[in-house]
Amino acid sequence: MSFIPFLTAGAQQAAGPASLAGSFIPLLLIIVIFYFFLIRPQNKKQKQTERMLAALKKGDKIITIGGIHGVISSVKENTVIVKVDDDCKIEFNRTAISTVELSDAEKAKLEQEAAAKKANKFSFGKKKTEDAEPQKVEAASEETK
C-alpha cells in the first residue's frame, strides 16, 4: 500500500487556510489603493464644492455647468438668480453652478498665499526659528515700553 496519496492530501488540507489568507492580501491591497487614489480625492472635491455652494453671495461672478457666465443678483435657499445681461435674469438651482470666478484682487491674494506656503515649505528648521525669534523679541520689547 502506498502512503503518497495520503501525504499529499494532508499537505493540501494544511495549505488551504494559508493559501486563503494569501489570496486576501492582494484584494485588501487593491481596496486600499482604490481608497487613496479614487474615493478619498472624490470626497475632498465634493466637500469643497458643497462649501463653495454654501458660500454663494450677491455679486459673485459665476459659471454654470452649462457654461453660462453671469453675476448673482439674489440668493434663495435652493436657487440663485443670475444676471446674464442688463435685462436678462435667470434662476438656477445652486447645484447648477460649476465655479465662482475670483476677482483680480482675490487671485493676487491667493497667489501670494501659495508663494508664502511654498517658501515656508522649502525653508529648513534654523531659518524658521531665526525668523521667529526677532519677532518675539520685538513684541516683548514693545510690551515693556
N, C-alpha and C. Protein backbone atom coordinates (compact mmCIF):
# COMPACT_ATOMS: atom_id res chain seq x y z
N MET A 1 0.83 -1.17 0.00
CA MET A 1 0.00 0.00 0.00
C MET A 1 0.89 1.24 0.00
N SER A 2 0.52 2.22 -0.78
CA SER A 2 1.31 3.43 -0.92
C SER A 2 0.72 4.54 -0.04
N PHE A 3 1.60 5.24 0.66
CA PHE A 3 1.16 6.33 1.54
C PHE A 3 1.26 7.70 0.87
N ILE A 4 1.72 7.76 -0.33
CA ILE A 4 1.91 9.04 -1.01
C ILE A 4 0.59 9.79 -1.21
N PRO A 5 -0.49 9.13 -1.63
CA PRO A 5 -1.74 9.89 -1.77
C PRO A 5 -2.22 10.48 -0.45
N PHE A 6 -2.01 9.76 0.66
CA PHE A 6 -2.43 10.29 1.97
C PHE A 6 -1.60 11.51 2.38
N LEU A 7 -0.31 11.48 2.04
CA LEU A 7 0.58 12.60 2.40
C LEU A 7 0.24 13.85 1.60
N THR A 8 -0.04 13.67 0.33
CA THR A 8 -0.37 14.84 -0.49
C THR A 8 -1.72 15.42 -0.11
N ALA A 9 -2.67 14.58 0.28
CA ALA A 9 -3.98 15.08 0.71
C ALA A 9 -3.83 15.88 2.01
N GLY A 10 -3.01 15.42 2.92
CA GLY A 10 -2.77 16.15 4.17
C GLY A 10 -2.07 17.46 3.91
N ALA A 11 -1.16 17.51 2.97
CA ALA A 11 -0.45 18.74 2.66
C ALA A 11 -1.40 19.75 2.01
N GLN A 12 -2.32 19.28 1.20
CA GLN A 12 -3.28 20.18 0.58
C GLN A 12 -4.22 20.78 1.61
N GLN A 13 -4.62 19.98 2.57
CA GLN A 13 -5.51 20.48 3.61
C GLN A 13 -4.79 21.50 4.50
N ALA A 14 -3.53 21.27 4.80
CA ALA A 14 -2.76 22.18 5.64
C ALA A 14 -2.50 23.50 4.91
N ALA A 15 -2.33 23.46 3.60
CA ALA A 15 -2.04 24.67 2.83
C ALA A 15 -3.30 25.48 2.55
N GLY A 16 -4.47 24.91 2.77
CA GLY A 16 -5.73 25.59 2.48
C GLY A 16 -5.88 26.92 3.20
N PRO A 17 -5.83 26.98 4.53
CA PRO A 17 -6.00 28.26 5.23
C PRO A 17 -4.90 29.27 4.91
N ALA A 18 -3.67 28.82 4.77
CA ALA A 18 -2.58 29.73 4.43
C ALA A 18 -2.78 30.30 3.03
N SER A 19 -3.25 29.45 2.14
CA SER A 19 -3.50 29.89 0.78
C SER A 19 -4.66 30.89 0.76
N LEU A 20 -5.66 30.65 1.59
CA LEU A 20 -6.80 31.54 1.66
C LEU A 20 -6.39 32.92 2.17
N ALA A 21 -5.55 32.98 3.19
CA ALA A 21 -5.07 34.26 3.72
C ALA A 21 -4.20 34.96 2.68
N GLY A 22 -3.41 34.21 1.96
CA GLY A 22 -2.56 34.79 0.93
C GLY A 22 -3.35 35.37 -0.23
N SER A 23 -4.54 34.83 -0.47
CA SER A 23 -5.35 35.36 -1.57
C SER A 23 -6.10 36.63 -1.15
N PHE A 24 -6.31 36.87 0.15
CA PHE A 24 -6.98 38.08 0.60
C PHE A 24 -6.06 39.29 0.65
N ILE A 25 -4.77 39.09 0.77
CA ILE A 25 -3.83 40.21 0.85
C ILE A 25 -3.86 41.06 -0.42
N PRO A 26 -3.80 40.49 -1.61
CA PRO A 26 -3.89 41.34 -2.81
C PRO A 26 -5.23 42.07 -2.93
N LEU A 27 -6.31 41.40 -2.50
CA LEU A 27 -7.63 42.03 -2.54
C LEU A 27 -7.67 43.24 -1.61
N LEU A 28 -7.14 43.10 -0.40
CA LEU A 28 -7.09 44.22 0.53
C LEU A 28 -6.19 45.34 0.01
N LEU A 29 -5.10 44.99 -0.62
CA LEU A 29 -4.20 45.98 -1.20
C LEU A 29 -4.90 46.77 -2.30
N ILE A 30 -5.67 46.11 -3.12
CA ILE A 30 -6.42 46.79 -4.18
C ILE A 30 -7.45 47.75 -3.59
N ILE A 31 -8.13 47.33 -2.52
CA ILE A 31 -9.12 48.18 -1.87
C ILE A 31 -8.46 49.43 -1.30
N VAL A 32 -7.30 49.27 -0.66
CA VAL A 32 -6.59 50.42 -0.10
C VAL A 32 -6.15 51.37 -1.20
N ILE A 33 -5.66 50.86 -2.30
CA ILE A 33 -5.23 51.69 -3.43
C ILE A 33 -6.42 52.47 -4.00
N PHE A 34 -7.56 51.79 -4.17
CA PHE A 34 -8.75 52.47 -4.66
C PHE A 34 -9.17 53.59 -3.71
N TYR A 35 -9.08 53.34 -2.41
CA TYR A 35 -9.48 54.35 -1.44
C TYR A 35 -8.62 55.60 -1.58
N PHE A 36 -7.30 55.43 -1.61
CA PHE A 36 -6.41 56.59 -1.63
C PHE A 36 -6.35 57.30 -2.98
N PHE A 37 -6.59 56.60 -4.07
CA PHE A 37 -6.49 57.23 -5.38
C PHE A 37 -7.82 57.64 -5.99
N LEU A 38 -8.93 57.05 -5.54
CA LEU A 38 -10.22 57.38 -6.14
C LEU A 38 -11.23 57.93 -5.15
N ILE A 39 -11.48 57.22 -4.08
CA ILE A 39 -12.56 57.58 -3.17
C ILE A 39 -12.22 58.82 -2.36
N ARG A 40 -11.05 58.87 -1.76
CA ARG A 40 -10.67 59.99 -0.90
C ARG A 40 -10.61 61.33 -1.66
N PRO A 41 -9.95 61.38 -2.84
CA PRO A 41 -9.94 62.65 -3.58
C PRO A 41 -11.35 63.09 -4.02
N GLN A 42 -12.21 62.14 -4.36
CA GLN A 42 -13.56 62.48 -4.76
C GLN A 42 -14.34 63.07 -3.59
N ASN A 43 -14.16 62.52 -2.39
CA ASN A 43 -14.83 63.06 -1.20
C ASN A 43 -14.35 64.47 -0.90
N LYS A 44 -13.04 64.71 -1.03
CA LYS A 44 -12.50 66.05 -0.80
C LYS A 44 -13.09 67.05 -1.79
N LYS A 45 -13.17 66.66 -3.05
CA LYS A 45 -13.72 67.54 -4.08
C LYS A 45 -15.19 67.84 -3.82
N GLN A 46 -15.95 66.83 -3.37
CA GLN A 46 -17.35 67.03 -3.08
C GLN A 46 -17.54 67.98 -1.90
N LYS A 47 -16.74 67.85 -0.87
CA LYS A 47 -16.84 68.76 0.28
C LYS A 47 -16.48 70.19 -0.13
N GLN A 48 -15.46 70.34 -0.99
CA GLN A 48 -15.07 71.66 -1.46
C GLN A 48 -16.21 72.30 -2.26
N THR A 49 -16.87 71.52 -3.10
CA THR A 49 -18.00 72.03 -3.89
C THR A 49 -19.15 72.44 -2.98
N GLU A 50 -19.43 71.64 -1.94
CA GLU A 50 -20.50 71.99 -1.01
C GLU A 50 -20.19 73.30 -0.28
N ARG A 51 -18.93 73.50 0.11
CA ARG A 51 -18.54 74.75 0.77
C ARG A 51 -18.70 75.93 -0.18
N MET A 52 -18.33 75.74 -1.45
CA MET A 52 -18.45 76.81 -2.43
C MET A 52 -19.91 77.19 -2.64
N LEU A 53 -20.79 76.20 -2.74
CA LEU A 53 -22.21 76.48 -2.95
C LEU A 53 -22.84 77.13 -1.72
N ALA A 54 -22.39 76.76 -0.55
CA ALA A 54 -22.93 77.36 0.68
C ALA A 54 -22.47 78.81 0.84
N ALA A 55 -21.32 79.16 0.26
CA ALA A 55 -20.76 80.50 0.42
C ALA A 55 -21.16 81.47 -0.68
N LEU A 56 -22.08 81.08 -1.55
CA LEU A 56 -22.51 81.98 -2.63
C LEU A 56 -23.18 83.22 -2.05
N LYS A 57 -22.87 84.36 -2.64
CA LYS A 57 -23.46 85.62 -2.17
C LYS A 57 -23.72 86.53 -3.36
N LYS A 58 -24.49 87.56 -3.10
CA LYS A 58 -24.84 88.52 -4.14
C LYS A 58 -23.56 89.21 -4.64
N GLY A 59 -23.44 89.31 -5.97
CA GLY A 59 -22.29 89.98 -6.57
C GLY A 59 -21.20 89.03 -7.04
N ASP A 60 -21.29 87.74 -6.69
CA ASP A 60 -20.28 86.77 -7.14
C ASP A 60 -20.43 86.52 -8.63
N LYS A 61 -19.31 86.48 -9.33
CA LYS A 61 -19.31 86.11 -10.74
C LYS A 61 -19.21 84.60 -10.81
N ILE A 62 -20.12 83.97 -11.55
CA ILE A 62 -20.18 82.51 -11.59
C ILE A 62 -20.20 82.00 -13.03
N ILE A 63 -19.95 80.71 -13.13
CA ILE A 63 -20.12 79.98 -14.39
C ILE A 63 -20.96 78.76 -14.06
N THR A 64 -22.02 78.54 -14.83
CA THR A 64 -22.88 77.39 -14.59
C THR A 64 -22.31 76.15 -15.27
N ILE A 65 -22.91 75.02 -14.97
CA ILE A 65 -22.47 73.77 -15.59
C ILE A 65 -22.65 73.84 -17.10
N GLY A 66 -23.68 74.55 -17.54
CA GLY A 66 -23.94 74.70 -18.98
C GLY A 66 -23.06 75.72 -19.67
N GLY A 67 -22.22 76.43 -18.89
CA GLY A 67 -21.29 77.38 -19.48
C GLY A 67 -21.80 78.82 -19.52
N ILE A 68 -22.87 79.11 -18.82
CA ILE A 68 -23.41 80.47 -18.81
C ILE A 68 -22.67 81.28 -17.76
N HIS A 69 -22.15 82.43 -18.17
CA HIS A 69 -21.45 83.34 -17.27
C HIS A 69 -22.41 84.41 -16.80
N GLY A 70 -22.32 84.77 -15.52
CA GLY A 70 -23.19 85.82 -15.02
C GLY A 70 -22.79 86.24 -13.61
N VAL A 71 -23.58 87.15 -13.06
CA VAL A 71 -23.35 87.68 -11.72
C VAL A 71 -24.60 87.38 -10.89
N ILE A 72 -24.41 86.91 -9.68
CA ILE A 72 -25.55 86.59 -8.82
C ILE A 72 -26.21 87.89 -8.38
N SER A 73 -27.53 87.98 -8.65
CA SER A 73 -28.25 89.18 -8.23
C SER A 73 -29.03 88.94 -6.94
N SER A 74 -29.42 87.70 -6.67
CA SER A 74 -30.03 87.39 -5.38
C SER A 74 -29.87 85.90 -5.10
N VAL A 75 -29.89 85.57 -3.80
CA VAL A 75 -29.68 84.19 -3.37
C VAL A 75 -30.90 83.74 -2.58
N LYS A 76 -31.43 82.58 -2.94
CA LYS A 76 -32.53 81.98 -2.19
C LYS A 76 -32.00 80.70 -1.55
N GLU A 77 -32.89 79.96 -0.89
CA GLU A 77 -32.46 78.77 -0.17
C GLU A 77 -31.85 77.72 -1.09
N ASN A 78 -32.57 77.37 -2.16
CA ASN A 78 -32.08 76.33 -3.07
C ASN A 78 -31.73 76.84 -4.46
N THR A 79 -32.00 78.10 -4.72
CA THR A 79 -31.75 78.66 -6.05
C THR A 79 -31.03 79.99 -5.94
N VAL A 80 -30.49 80.41 -7.07
CA VAL A 80 -29.88 81.74 -7.18
C VAL A 80 -30.40 82.37 -8.46
N ILE A 81 -30.53 83.68 -8.46
CA ILE A 81 -30.93 84.41 -9.67
C ILE A 81 -29.66 85.06 -10.21
N VAL A 82 -29.37 84.72 -11.46
CA VAL A 82 -28.14 85.17 -12.10
C VAL A 82 -28.47 86.20 -13.16
N LYS A 83 -27.78 87.34 -13.07
CA LYS A 83 -27.94 88.39 -14.07
C LYS A 83 -26.95 88.11 -15.19
N VAL A 84 -27.49 87.80 -16.36
CA VAL A 84 -26.66 87.43 -17.50
C VAL A 84 -26.36 88.66 -18.35
N ASP A 85 -27.35 89.51 -18.53
CA ASP A 85 -27.22 90.74 -19.32
C ASP A 85 -27.97 91.83 -18.57
N ASP A 86 -28.00 93.03 -19.12
CA ASP A 86 -28.67 94.14 -18.44
C ASP A 86 -30.13 93.83 -18.12
N ASP A 87 -30.84 93.24 -19.07
CA ASP A 87 -32.27 92.98 -18.89
C ASP A 87 -32.60 91.50 -18.73
N CYS A 88 -31.62 90.66 -18.55
CA CYS A 88 -31.86 89.22 -18.53
C CYS A 88 -31.40 88.61 -17.20
N LYS A 89 -32.35 88.05 -16.48
CA LYS A 89 -32.05 87.34 -15.24
C LYS A 89 -32.60 85.92 -15.35
N ILE A 90 -31.79 84.96 -14.90
CA ILE A 90 -32.18 83.55 -14.99
C ILE A 90 -32.05 82.94 -13.60
N GLU A 91 -33.01 82.10 -13.23
CA GLU A 91 -32.96 81.43 -11.94
C GLU A 91 -32.39 80.02 -12.14
N PHE A 92 -31.37 79.69 -11.33
CA PHE A 92 -30.71 78.39 -11.39
C PHE A 92 -30.76 77.71 -10.03
N ASN A 93 -30.75 76.39 -10.04
CA ASN A 93 -30.51 75.66 -8.80
C ASN A 93 -29.07 75.90 -8.38
N ARG A 94 -28.81 75.85 -7.09
CA ARG A 94 -27.44 76.03 -6.61
C ARG A 94 -26.51 74.97 -7.19
N THR A 95 -27.04 73.77 -7.36
CA THR A 95 -26.20 72.67 -7.85
C THR A 95 -25.79 72.85 -9.31
N ALA A 96 -26.43 73.78 -10.03
CA ALA A 96 -26.09 74.02 -11.43
C ALA A 96 -24.88 74.95 -11.57
N ILE A 97 -24.35 75.43 -10.46
CA ILE A 97 -23.21 76.34 -10.52
C ILE A 97 -21.93 75.52 -10.45
N SER A 98 -21.09 75.72 -11.43
CA SER A 98 -19.86 74.95 -11.51
C SER A 98 -18.71 75.63 -10.79
N THR A 99 -18.50 76.91 -11.03
CA THR A 99 -17.39 77.62 -10.39
C THR A 99 -17.77 79.06 -10.07
N VAL A 100 -17.04 79.61 -9.13
CA VAL A 100 -17.15 81.03 -8.80
C VAL A 100 -15.86 81.68 -9.28
N GLU A 101 -15.98 82.66 -10.16
CA GLU A 101 -14.79 83.35 -10.67
C GLU A 101 -14.26 84.30 -9.61
N LEU A 102 -12.97 84.34 -9.46
CA LEU A 102 -12.35 85.23 -8.49
C LEU A 102 -12.00 86.56 -9.13
N SER A 103 -12.10 87.62 -8.35
CA SER A 103 -11.69 88.93 -8.85
C SER A 103 -10.16 88.97 -8.91
N ASP A 104 -9.61 89.99 -9.56
CA ASP A 104 -8.16 90.10 -9.69
C ASP A 104 -7.49 90.23 -8.33
N ALA A 105 -8.10 90.95 -7.40
CA ALA A 105 -7.53 91.12 -6.07
C ALA A 105 -7.50 89.79 -5.32
N GLU A 106 -8.58 89.00 -5.44
CA GLU A 106 -8.63 87.70 -4.78
C GLU A 106 -7.61 86.74 -5.38
N LYS A 107 -7.44 86.81 -6.71
CA LYS A 107 -6.45 85.95 -7.37
C LYS A 107 -5.04 86.29 -6.88
N ALA A 108 -4.74 87.59 -6.79
CA ALA A 108 -3.42 88.02 -6.33
C ALA A 108 -3.18 87.57 -4.89
N LYS A 109 -4.20 87.68 -4.06
CA LYS A 109 -4.08 87.26 -2.66
C LYS A 109 -3.80 85.77 -2.57
N LEU A 110 -4.53 84.96 -3.35
CA LEU A 110 -4.31 83.51 -3.34
C LEU A 110 -2.91 83.15 -3.84
N GLU A 111 -2.44 83.86 -4.87
CA GLU A 111 -1.10 83.61 -5.39
C GLU A 111 -0.04 83.94 -4.35
N GLN A 112 -0.24 85.04 -3.61
CA GLN A 112 0.72 85.40 -2.55
C GLN A 112 0.73 84.35 -1.45
N GLU A 113 -0.46 83.88 -1.06
CA GLU A 113 -0.54 82.86 -0.02
C GLU A 113 0.15 81.57 -0.48
N ALA A 114 -0.05 81.20 -1.74
CA ALA A 114 0.58 79.99 -2.27
C ALA A 114 2.10 80.15 -2.31
N ALA A 115 2.57 81.33 -2.69
CA ALA A 115 4.02 81.58 -2.73
C ALA A 115 4.60 81.54 -1.32
N ALA A 116 3.87 82.08 -0.34
CA ALA A 116 4.35 82.06 1.04
C ALA A 116 4.41 80.63 1.57
N LYS A 117 3.39 79.82 1.27
CA LYS A 117 3.41 78.42 1.70
C LYS A 117 4.57 77.67 1.07
N LYS A 118 4.80 77.95 -0.21
CA LYS A 118 5.89 77.28 -0.91
C LYS A 118 7.23 77.67 -0.31
N ALA A 119 7.41 78.95 0.02
CA ALA A 119 8.65 79.43 0.62
C ALA A 119 8.85 78.80 2.00
N ASN A 120 7.79 78.71 2.79
CA ASN A 120 7.89 78.09 4.11
C ASN A 120 8.14 76.59 4.02
N LYS A 121 7.63 75.98 2.99
CA LYS A 121 7.80 74.53 2.82
C LYS A 121 9.25 74.18 2.54
N PHE A 122 9.95 75.02 1.79
CA PHE A 122 11.32 74.71 1.40
C PHE A 122 12.37 75.32 2.32
N SER A 123 11.97 76.13 3.29
CA SER A 123 12.94 76.64 4.25
C SER A 123 13.11 75.60 5.35
N PHE A 124 14.30 75.53 5.89
CA PHE A 124 14.60 74.47 6.85
C PHE A 124 14.63 75.02 8.26
N GLY A 125 14.62 74.14 9.26
CA GLY A 125 14.45 74.40 10.67
C GLY A 125 15.09 75.66 11.22
N LYS A 126 16.40 75.87 11.04
CA LYS A 126 17.07 77.01 11.67
C LYS A 126 16.55 78.33 11.13
N LYS A 127 16.33 78.40 9.84
CA LYS A 127 15.87 79.66 9.26
C LYS A 127 14.51 80.05 9.83
N LYS A 128 13.60 79.07 10.00
CA LYS A 128 12.29 79.36 10.54
C LYS A 128 12.40 79.89 11.97
N THR A 129 13.24 79.25 12.78
CA THR A 129 13.36 79.69 14.18
C THR A 129 14.07 81.03 14.27
N GLU A 130 15.04 81.28 13.39
CA GLU A 130 15.72 82.58 13.41
C GLU A 130 14.76 83.69 13.03
N ASP A 131 13.87 83.41 12.06
CA ASP A 131 12.90 84.41 11.66
C ASP A 131 11.88 84.66 12.78
N ALA A 132 11.53 83.63 13.50
CA ALA A 132 10.52 83.76 14.55
C ALA A 132 11.08 84.46 15.78
N GLU A 133 12.34 84.25 16.10
CA GLU A 133 12.94 84.81 17.31
C GLU A 133 12.90 86.34 17.34
N PRO A 134 13.34 87.06 16.29
CA PRO A 134 13.32 88.52 16.35
C PRO A 134 11.92 89.08 16.53
N GLN A 135 10.94 88.45 15.95
CA GLN A 135 9.58 88.93 16.09
C GLN A 135 9.14 88.84 17.54
N LYS A 136 9.49 87.75 18.21
CA LYS A 136 9.12 87.59 19.61
C LYS A 136 9.84 88.62 20.47
N VAL A 137 11.12 88.86 20.17
CA VAL A 137 11.89 89.83 20.94
C VAL A 137 11.33 91.23 20.75
N GLU A 138 11.00 91.58 19.48
CA GLU A 138 10.43 92.90 19.20
C GLU A 138 9.10 93.07 19.91
N ALA A 139 8.27 92.03 19.90
CA ALA A 139 6.96 92.11 20.55
C ALA A 139 7.14 92.27 22.05
N ALA A 140 8.09 91.55 22.62
CA ALA A 140 8.32 91.64 24.07
C ALA A 140 8.85 93.03 24.44
N SER A 141 9.73 93.59 23.60
CA SER A 141 10.27 94.91 23.89
C SER A 141 9.19 95.98 23.76
N GLU A 142 8.25 95.81 22.84
CA GLU A 142 7.16 96.77 22.69
C GLU A 142 6.20 96.70 23.88
N GLU A 143 6.03 95.51 24.43
CA GLU A 143 5.13 95.36 25.58
C GLU A 143 5.73 96.01 26.82
N THR A 144 7.04 95.95 26.96
CA THR A 144 7.68 96.54 28.16
C THR A 144 7.68 98.06 28.10
N LYS A 145 7.61 98.64 26.92
CA LYS A 145 7.62 100.10 26.77
C LYS A 145 6.35 100.69 27.18
